Amino acid sequence: MQQQEFPTPRGLRRNPGWLSGIVAMSLILLTGCGNKAPEVDQIAPVIAQPVQAVDGVSAARFPGDIHARYEMPLSFRVSGQLTARYVNPGDLVKKGQALAQLDPADAGNQLAAAKAAFEAAEHRLMFASQQRDRDEAQSKQNLISQLQLEQTQDAYAAALAARDQAKQQFELAQNQSHYTTLTADHDGAITSRQAEVGQVLAIGQAVFGFAWSGEREVYLDVPESRIDGIVIGQVAKVTLPALPGRNFDAKVREIAPAADPQSRTYLVKLSIDQPGNVLQLGMTADVALQGGKPSAGIVSIPATALFHQGERPAVWVIRPADATLELRPVTVDRYGERDVLIAGGLKAGERVVMQGVHTLSVGEKVASIAPPHPEDAPQ
């Protein structure tokens, strides 16, 4: 079979080197594509601010609850069977009001016996006094011996002492008779009931929990890692969810000398200035401690600025010389609700990345910008 030939274009028939020219042009183009243009350094914008020094306790906030300044159990001073209760938990009582009653039979019998003994002692003293007066008159006339006079005077002294003793026993029996009625020694409120009618009570056994009216306090449970930042006399602001829009001034009055063995927290009591009648027992409170024991070298950063280098906390610091990032480990003093107090690794004035810390890398060149919202700036 004869092979068919295709005609060559005219222009190419007169230029047999056309193929080599196309190849050369292709090589020139490929060589030009291999030469990349110089790259420009990429500068990433980051939200960063200089850190500020704080006193180390400005962010100390704790939950608490309202208590009376004086809270105590109420109990009888004598033993006996509880026969009546006149109040219940939650009742408001006045000073001198009767709260409960013991069976008065035994106390009444003791009172009657003490009264009889006292009357008998007074009668014997009266007789001894008369006898002494007669013997003294006869002794002046030498009608009796000196020995008889001395015996009469001794009998009078014994009768006088017996009368005084009987009087004390009678007054004690009167008090014990009164003690069978439990009365309030101050205006206040019954907070709990701890004994039932018919129960035989020992001396001092609690019958009611009692809270005085008037002064109010806030109780805080402070962890041992933060107790060093609180001192006696430290001022605070107290707010309550039950009373929105109102706040009260308070001062630290007492700090427990030892931690609770179960919770390992320290009880801190704050006295409230001018509590009025609106603070009810048991209300929850939010306490913001102002100032306190200063700590040198403490700086504050937002919680969003904290990163980690392995297991250690760290922050991204912008080097002022070349605006590149350095991941620097830091020592945390304590954590707040929105901020973190740093005790080591940072100095006041150093610029730290506040947000977006998980998208950065060491040595990256950045340009710092202010936070878009003013409330995100460090306080």
Protein backbone atom coordinates (compact mmCIF):
# COMPACT_ATOMS: atom_id res chain seq x y z
CA MET A 1 0.00 0.00 0.00
CA GLN A 2 1.44 3.40 -0.97
CA GLN A 3 2.03 5.85 1.91
CA GLN A 4 0.25 9.21 1.54
CA GLU A 5 2.34 12.35 2.00
CA PHE A 6 0.91 15.52 3.51
CA PRO A 7 2.06 18.84 2.10
CA THR A 8 4.32 21.08 4.20
CA PRO A 9 3.12 24.67 4.88
CA ARG A 10 4.62 27.08 2.55
CA GLY A 11 6.37 29.32 4.88
CA LEU A 12 8.04 26.48 6.65
CA ARG A 13 9.29 24.92 3.45
CA ARG A 14 11.58 27.96 2.92
CA ASN A 15 12.86 27.92 6.61
CA PRO A 16 14.10 24.45 7.53
CA GLY A 17 15.41 25.67 11.01
CA TRP A 18 11.92 26.43 12.38
CA LEU A 19 11.91 23.51 14.80
CA SER A 20 15.19 24.46 16.45
CA GLY A 21 13.92 28.01 16.96
CA ILE A 22 10.81 26.86 18.78
CA VAL A 23 12.87 24.63 21.05
CA ALA A 24 15.22 27.47 21.90
CA MET A 25 12.34 29.81 22.73
CA SER A 26 10.80 27.19 25.02
CA LEU A 27 14.07 26.80 26.91
CA ILE A 28 14.32 30.57 27.43
CA LEU A 29 10.80 30.71 28.82
CA LEU A 30 11.38 27.78 31.16
CA THR A 31 14.61 29.33 32.42
CA GLY A 32 12.80 32.58 33.17
CA CYS A 33 10.12 30.80 35.20
CA GLY A 34 12.74 29.20 37.44
CA ASN A 35 14.05 32.57 38.71
CA LYS A 36 11.66 33.47 41.66
CA ALA A 37 11.19 37.09 42.72
CA PRO A 38 12.60 38.02 46.18
CA GLU A 39 9.99 37.40 48.97
CA VAL A 40 8.84 40.28 51.22
CA ASP A 41 8.74 39.57 55.03
CA GLN A 42 5.17 38.92 56.18
CA ILE A 43 4.13 41.02 59.24
CA ALA A 44 1.17 39.59 61.15
CA PRO A 45 -1.05 41.94 63.16
CA VAL A 46 -1.61 40.82 66.79
CA ILE A 47 -3.59 42.26 69.68
CA ALA A 48 -0.95 43.27 72.22
CA GLN A 49 -0.65 45.69 75.13
CA PRO A 50 2.02 46.54 77.72
CA VAL A 51 1.48 44.70 81.02
CA GLN A 52 0.87 46.70 84.19
CA ALA A 53 2.11 46.23 87.74
CA VAL A 54 -0.50 45.57 90.45
CA ASP A 55 -0.38 45.19 94.22
CA GLY A 56 -1.07 41.47 94.02
CA VAL A 57 -4.47 41.50 95.69
CA SER A 58 -6.61 43.82 93.57
CA ALA A 59 -8.48 40.91 91.99
CA ALA A 60 -9.33 39.09 95.23
CA ARG A 61 -13.02 38.13 94.99
CA PHE A 62 -14.73 35.48 97.09
CA PRO A 63 -18.25 34.14 97.60
CA GLY A 64 -19.65 34.36 101.11
CA ASP A 65 -22.83 34.29 103.17
CA ILE A 66 -24.43 36.57 105.75
CA HIS A 67 -24.26 35.75 109.46
CA ALA A 68 -25.04 37.57 112.69
CA ARG A 69 -22.15 39.12 114.60
CA TYR A 70 -23.12 36.95 117.60
CA GLU A 71 -24.42 33.43 117.03
CA MET A 72 -24.67 30.89 119.82
CA PRO A 73 -26.65 27.91 121.13
CA LEU A 74 -29.21 28.57 123.87
CA SER A 75 -29.34 26.08 126.73
CA PHE A 76 -30.64 25.68 130.28
CA ARG A 77 -28.33 26.23 133.24
CA VAL A 78 -29.92 23.31 135.08
CA SER A 79 -30.82 19.78 134.06
CA GLY A 80 -34.35 18.50 133.75
CA GLN A 81 -37.09 17.30 131.42
CA LEU A 82 -38.21 19.66 128.66
CA THR A 83 -41.95 20.20 129.07
CA ALA A 84 -42.68 23.06 126.64
CA ARG A 85 -41.27 25.03 123.72
CA TYR A 86 -42.73 28.46 123.02
CA VAL A 87 -40.87 29.40 119.80
CA ASN A 88 -39.85 27.80 116.52
CA PRO A 89 -37.00 28.32 114.03
CA GLY A 90 -37.38 31.61 112.20
CA ASP A 91 -39.22 33.38 115.03
CA LEU A 92 -38.05 36.84 116.08
CA VAL A 93 -37.84 37.20 119.86
CA LYS A 94 -37.34 40.05 122.31
CA LYS A 95 -35.00 40.25 125.27
CA GLY A 96 -36.53 38.52 128.32
CA GLN A 97 -39.06 36.52 126.28
CA ALA A 98 -39.67 32.94 127.48
CA LEU A 99 -38.50 30.36 124.96
CA ALA A 100 -38.83 26.95 126.67
CA GLN A 101 -39.66 25.37 130.03
CA LEU A 102 -38.28 22.52 132.13
CA ASP A 103 -40.29 20.55 134.67
CA PRO A 104 -40.18 22.88 137.73
CA ALA A 105 -41.08 20.27 140.40
CA ASP A 106 -37.56 19.42 141.56
CA ALA A 107 -36.43 23.04 141.51
CA GLY A 108 -39.52 24.03 143.49
CA ASN A 109 -38.82 21.42 146.17
CA GLN A 110 -35.20 22.54 146.46
CA LEU A 111 -36.34 26.14 146.79
CA ALA A 112 -38.77 25.26 149.56
CA ALA A 113 -36.10 23.29 151.45
CA ALA A 114 -33.58 26.10 151.11
CA LYS A 115 -36.12 28.64 152.32
CA ALA A 116 -36.91 26.54 155.41
CA ALA A 117 -33.21 26.10 156.19
CA PHE A 118 -32.66 29.83 155.85
CA GLU A 119 -35.54 30.67 158.22
CA ALA A 120 -34.23 28.14 160.79
CA ALA A 121 -30.74 29.62 160.58
CA GLU A 122 -32.10 33.11 161.14
CA HIS A 123 -34.00 31.90 164.23
CA ARG A 124 -30.86 30.28 165.68
CA LEU A 125 -28.90 33.47 165.00
CA MET A 126 -31.52 35.54 166.80
CA PHE A 127 -31.34 33.21 169.85
CA ALA A 128 -27.52 33.25 169.82
CA SER A 129 -27.55 37.04 169.60
CA GLN A 130 -29.85 37.35 172.62
CA GLN A 131 -27.73 34.89 174.61
CA ARG A 132 -24.58 36.82 173.78
CA ASP A 133 -26.15 40.12 174.92
CA ARG A 134 -27.22 38.59 178.31
CA ASP A 135 -23.85 36.97 178.95
CA GLU A 136 -21.98 40.14 178.10
CA ALA A 137 -24.13 42.09 180.60
CA GLN A 138 -23.61 39.44 183.32
CA SER A 139 -19.90 39.29 182.59
CA LYS A 140 -19.60 43.02 183.35
CA GLN A 141 -21.11 42.30 186.79
CA ASN A 142 -18.82 39.25 187.25
CA LEU A 143 -21.85 36.95 187.45
CA ILE A 144 -20.45 34.46 184.89
CA SER A 145 -17.01 33.20 184.13
CA GLN A 146 -14.90 34.40 181.22
CA LEU A 147 -15.02 30.90 179.73
CA GLN A 148 -18.82 30.93 179.60
CA LEU A 149 -18.76 34.31 177.86
CA GLU A 150 -16.31 33.05 175.26
CA GLN A 151 -18.47 29.98 174.58
CA THR A 152 -21.50 32.22 174.09
CA GLN A 153 -19.61 34.45 171.65
CA ASP A 154 -18.41 31.37 169.74
CA ALA A 155 -21.99 30.07 169.46
CA TYR A 156 -23.09 33.44 168.11
CA ALA A 157 -20.31 33.46 165.47
CA ALA A 158 -21.27 29.92 164.37
CA ALA A 159 -24.95 30.88 164.13
CA LEU A 160 -24.08 33.97 162.07
CA ALA A 161 -21.98 31.89 159.63
CA ALA A 162 -24.74 29.26 159.37
CA ARG A 163 -27.27 31.99 158.60
CA ASP A 164 -25.06 33.43 155.84
CA GLN A 165 -24.57 29.98 154.34
CA ALA A 166 -28.28 29.24 154.40
CA LYS A 167 -28.95 32.60 152.76
CA GLN A 168 -26.57 31.77 149.90
CA GLN A 169 -28.21 28.36 149.43
CA PHE A 170 -31.64 29.99 149.37
CA GLU A 171 -30.55 32.51 146.70
CA LEU A 172 -29.00 29.69 144.66
CA ALA A 173 -32.24 27.72 144.85
CA GLN A 174 -34.15 30.81 143.71
CA ASN A 175 -31.85 31.18 140.70
CA GLN A 176 -32.17 27.50 139.82
CA SER A 177 -35.93 27.82 140.00
CA HIS A 178 -35.74 30.73 137.54
CA TYR A 179 -33.36 28.76 135.32
CA THR A 180 -36.08 26.22 134.57
CA THR A 181 -37.46 28.85 132.18
CA LEU A 182 -35.22 29.56 129.19
CA THR A 183 -35.38 33.24 128.24
CA ALA A 184 -33.75 35.32 125.50
CA ASP A 185 -30.93 37.50 126.79
CA HIS A 186 -31.01 39.71 123.68
CA ASP A 187 -33.25 40.62 120.76
CA GLY A 188 -32.69 38.17 117.94
CA ALA A 189 -33.92 35.26 115.85
CA ILE A 190 -34.22 31.52 116.45
CA THR A 191 -32.08 29.80 113.82
CA SER A 192 -32.52 26.13 114.75
CA ARG A 193 -34.22 23.70 117.16
CA GLN A 194 -32.09 21.01 118.78
CA ALA A 195 -34.27 19.47 121.51
CA GLU A 196 -37.77 17.98 121.64
CA VAL A 197 -40.48 18.13 124.29
CA GLY A 198 -40.14 15.24 126.74
CA GLN A 199 -36.38 14.97 126.30
CA VAL A 200 -34.26 14.95 129.47
CA LEU A 201 -31.57 17.58 129.07
CA ALA A 202 -28.20 17.87 130.73
CA ILE A 203 -26.81 21.18 131.95
CA GLY A 204 -25.67 23.22 128.94
CA GLN A 205 -27.25 20.96 126.31
CA ALA A 206 -28.33 23.08 123.32
CA VAL A 207 -32.05 23.68 122.82
CA PHE A 208 -32.06 26.43 120.15
CA GLY A 209 -29.64 28.13 117.82
CA PHE A 210 -29.83 31.89 118.33
CA ALA A 211 -28.61 34.91 116.35
CA TRP A 212 -28.57 38.40 117.79
CA SER A 213 -30.22 41.28 115.97
CA GLY A 214 -28.14 44.23 114.81
CA GLU A 215 -24.62 43.65 113.56
CA ARG A 216 -24.10 41.47 110.50
CA GLU A 217 -21.00 39.77 109.10
CA VAL A 218 -19.89 37.95 105.96
CA TYR A 219 -18.16 34.59 106.29
CA LEU A 220 -15.63 33.60 103.60
CA ASP A 221 -13.88 30.27 103.04
CA VAL A 222 -10.46 31.24 101.67
CA PRO A 223 -8.12 28.62 100.18
CA GLU A 224 -4.70 28.33 101.73
CA SER A 225 -3.02 29.57 98.53
CA ARG A 226 -4.70 32.99 98.94
CA ILE A 227 -4.84 33.53 102.69
CA ASP A 228 -1.53 35.47 102.69
CA GLY A 229 -3.20 38.24 100.66
CA ILE A 230 -5.70 39.05 103.44
CA VAL A 231 -5.00 41.11 106.55
CA ILE A 232 -7.04 42.32 109.53
CA GLY A 233 -8.71 45.64 108.77
CA GLN A 234 -8.67 45.14 104.99
CA VAL A 235 -11.64 46.89 103.38
CA ALA A 236 -14.07 45.23 100.97
CA LYS A 237 -17.19 45.84 98.92
CA VAL A 238 -20.09 43.43 99.42
CA THR A 239 -22.86 42.88 96.87
CA LEU A 240 -25.77 40.46 97.09
CA PRO A 241 -27.81 38.84 94.30
CA ALA A 242 -30.92 39.30 96.44
CA LEU A 243 -30.33 43.08 96.58
CA PRO A 244 -29.32 44.16 93.06
CA GLY A 245 -27.92 47.65 92.75
CA ARG A 246 -26.86 47.89 96.39
CA ASN A 247 -23.42 47.43 97.91
CA PHE A 248 -22.11 47.55 101.46
CA ASP A 249 -18.75 48.49 102.96
CA ALA A 250 -17.04 45.86 105.10
CA LYS A 251 -13.75 45.22 106.91
CA VAL A 252 -11.89 42.02 107.74
CA ARG A 253 -12.43 41.44 111.48
CA GLU A 254 -11.09 37.96 112.07
CA ILE A 255 -8.96 35.37 110.25
CA ALA A 256 -8.99 31.78 111.48
CA PRO A 257 -5.55 30.78 112.81
CA ALA A 258 -5.83 27.27 111.34
CA ALA A 259 -7.45 25.71 108.28
CA ASP A 260 -10.57 23.61 108.51
CA PRO A 261 -9.42 19.94 108.64
CA GLN A 262 -12.02 18.85 106.09
CA SER A 263 -12.10 21.62 103.47
CA ARG A 264 -8.54 22.93 104.09
CA THR A 265 -9.85 26.50 103.87
CA TYR A 266 -9.55 29.38 106.32
CA LEU A 267 -12.63 31.06 107.76
CA VAL A 268 -12.48 34.85 107.34
CA LYS A 269 -15.09 37.09 108.98
CA LEU A 270 -15.88 40.59 107.72
CA SER A 271 -17.98 43.07 109.69
CA ILE A 272 -20.47 45.09 107.61
CA ASP A 273 -20.87 48.82 108.19
CA GLN A 274 -24.49 49.96 108.66
CA PRO A 275 -26.20 46.74 107.55
CA GLY A 276 -29.71 47.99 108.33
CA ASN A 277 -32.59 45.52 108.35
CA VAL A 278 -32.30 44.35 104.73
CA LEU A 279 -29.53 41.79 105.27
CA GLN A 280 -31.17 38.50 106.12
CA LEU A 281 -29.29 35.59 107.63
CA GLY A 282 -28.01 33.11 105.06
CA MET A 283 -28.04 35.45 102.05
CA THR A 284 -25.26 34.76 99.55
CA ALA A 285 -22.77 37.56 98.94
CA ASP A 286 -19.98 38.46 96.55
CA VAL A 287 -17.02 40.05 98.34
CA ALA A 288 -14.38 42.13 96.54
CA LEU A 289 -11.39 42.76 98.79
CA GLN A 290 -9.70 46.10 98.17
CA GLY A 291 -5.94 46.32 98.64
CA GLY A 292 -4.30 44.22 101.34
CA LYS A 293 -0.81 42.87 101.84
CA PRO A 294 1.23 44.16 98.83
CA SER A 295 3.39 41.85 96.75
CA ALA A 296 6.35 43.29 94.84
CA GLY A 297 6.89 42.50 91.16
CA ILE A 298 3.36 41.31 90.42
CA VAL A 299 1.92 42.08 86.95
CA SER A 300 -1.53 41.34 85.59
CA ILE A 301 -2.42 39.86 82.20
CA PRO A 302 -5.77 38.79 80.74
CA ALA A 303 -6.52 35.09 81.04
CA THR A 304 -6.60 34.90 77.21
CA ALA A 305 -2.89 35.83 77.08
CA LEU A 306 -1.70 32.72 78.92
CA PHE A 307 -0.09 30.00 76.79
CA HIS A 308 1.98 26.94 77.72
CA GLN A 309 5.49 25.82 76.91
CA GLY A 310 5.29 22.13 77.58
CA GLU A 311 3.78 21.92 81.06
CA ARG A 312 4.87 25.40 82.12
CA PRO A 313 2.72 28.51 81.67
CA ALA A 314 4.14 31.01 79.20
CA VAL A 315 3.24 34.18 77.28
CA TRP A 316 4.13 35.62 73.89
CA VAL A 317 6.37 38.69 74.35
CA ILE A 318 7.15 41.08 71.50
CA ARG A 319 10.86 41.92 71.38
CA PRO A 320 11.18 45.70 71.09
CA ALA A 321 14.36 45.48 68.96
CA ASP A 322 12.93 43.67 65.93
CA ALA A 323 9.19 43.19 66.72
CA THR A 324 9.51 39.40 66.70
CA LEU A 325 7.81 36.96 69.07
CA GLU A 326 9.42 35.26 72.04
CA LEU A 327 7.68 32.51 74.01
CA ARG A 328 8.67 33.22 77.59
CA PRO A 329 7.85 30.96 80.59
CA VAL A 330 6.29 32.75 83.57
CA THR A 331 5.41 32.02 87.20
CA VAL A 332 1.70 32.34 88.04
CA ASP A 333 0.89 33.91 91.41
CA ARG A 334 -2.83 33.11 91.19
CA TYR A 335 -5.73 32.92 88.78
CA GLY A 336 -8.65 35.36 88.81
CA GLU A 337 -11.99 35.31 87.02
CA ARG A 338 -10.73 37.26 83.99
CA ASP A 339 -7.07 37.87 84.69
CA VAL A 340 -3.93 36.08 85.83
CA LEU A 341 -1.39 37.54 88.26
CA ILE A 342 2.20 36.82 87.21
CA ALA A 343 4.87 36.74 89.91
CA GLY A 344 7.93 36.09 87.73
CA GLY A 345 9.08 36.18 84.11
CA LEU A 346 7.47 39.50 83.13
CA LYS A 347 8.18 43.12 83.92
CA ALA A 348 5.79 46.04 83.86
CA GLY A 349 5.80 47.73 80.44
CA GLU A 350 6.70 44.68 78.36
CA ARG A 351 4.33 44.18 75.42
CA VAL A 352 2.45 40.87 75.52
CA VAL A 353 0.04 39.30 73.02
CA MET A 354 -3.40 39.33 74.62
CA GLN A 355 -5.49 37.24 72.24
CA GLY A 356 -5.02 34.61 69.55
CA VAL A 357 -2.00 33.03 71.26
CA HIS A 358 -2.58 29.58 69.74
CA THR A 359 -1.91 30.75 66.15
CA LEU A 360 1.58 32.20 66.70
CA SER A 361 5.10 30.85 66.30
CA VAL A 362 8.52 31.71 67.71
CA GLY A 363 10.40 34.38 65.78
CA GLU A 364 7.37 35.52 63.83
CA LYS A 365 7.43 39.23 62.97
CA VAL A 366 4.32 41.02 64.19
CA ALA A 367 2.73 44.44 64.45
CA SER A 368 0.79 45.14 67.66
CA ILE A 369 -2.69 46.66 67.55
CA ALA A 370 -5.00 47.73 70.38
CA PRO A 371 -7.89 45.47 71.50
CA PRO A 372 -11.06 46.11 69.47
CA HIS A 373 -13.11 46.43 72.69
CA PRO A 374 -11.95 48.74 75.52
CA GLU A 375 -13.03 46.26 78.19
CA ASP A 376 -10.50 43.73 76.82
CA ALA A 377 -7.59 46.02 77.67
CA PRO A 378 -5.67 45.10 80.87
CA GLN A 379 -6.87 47.00 83.94
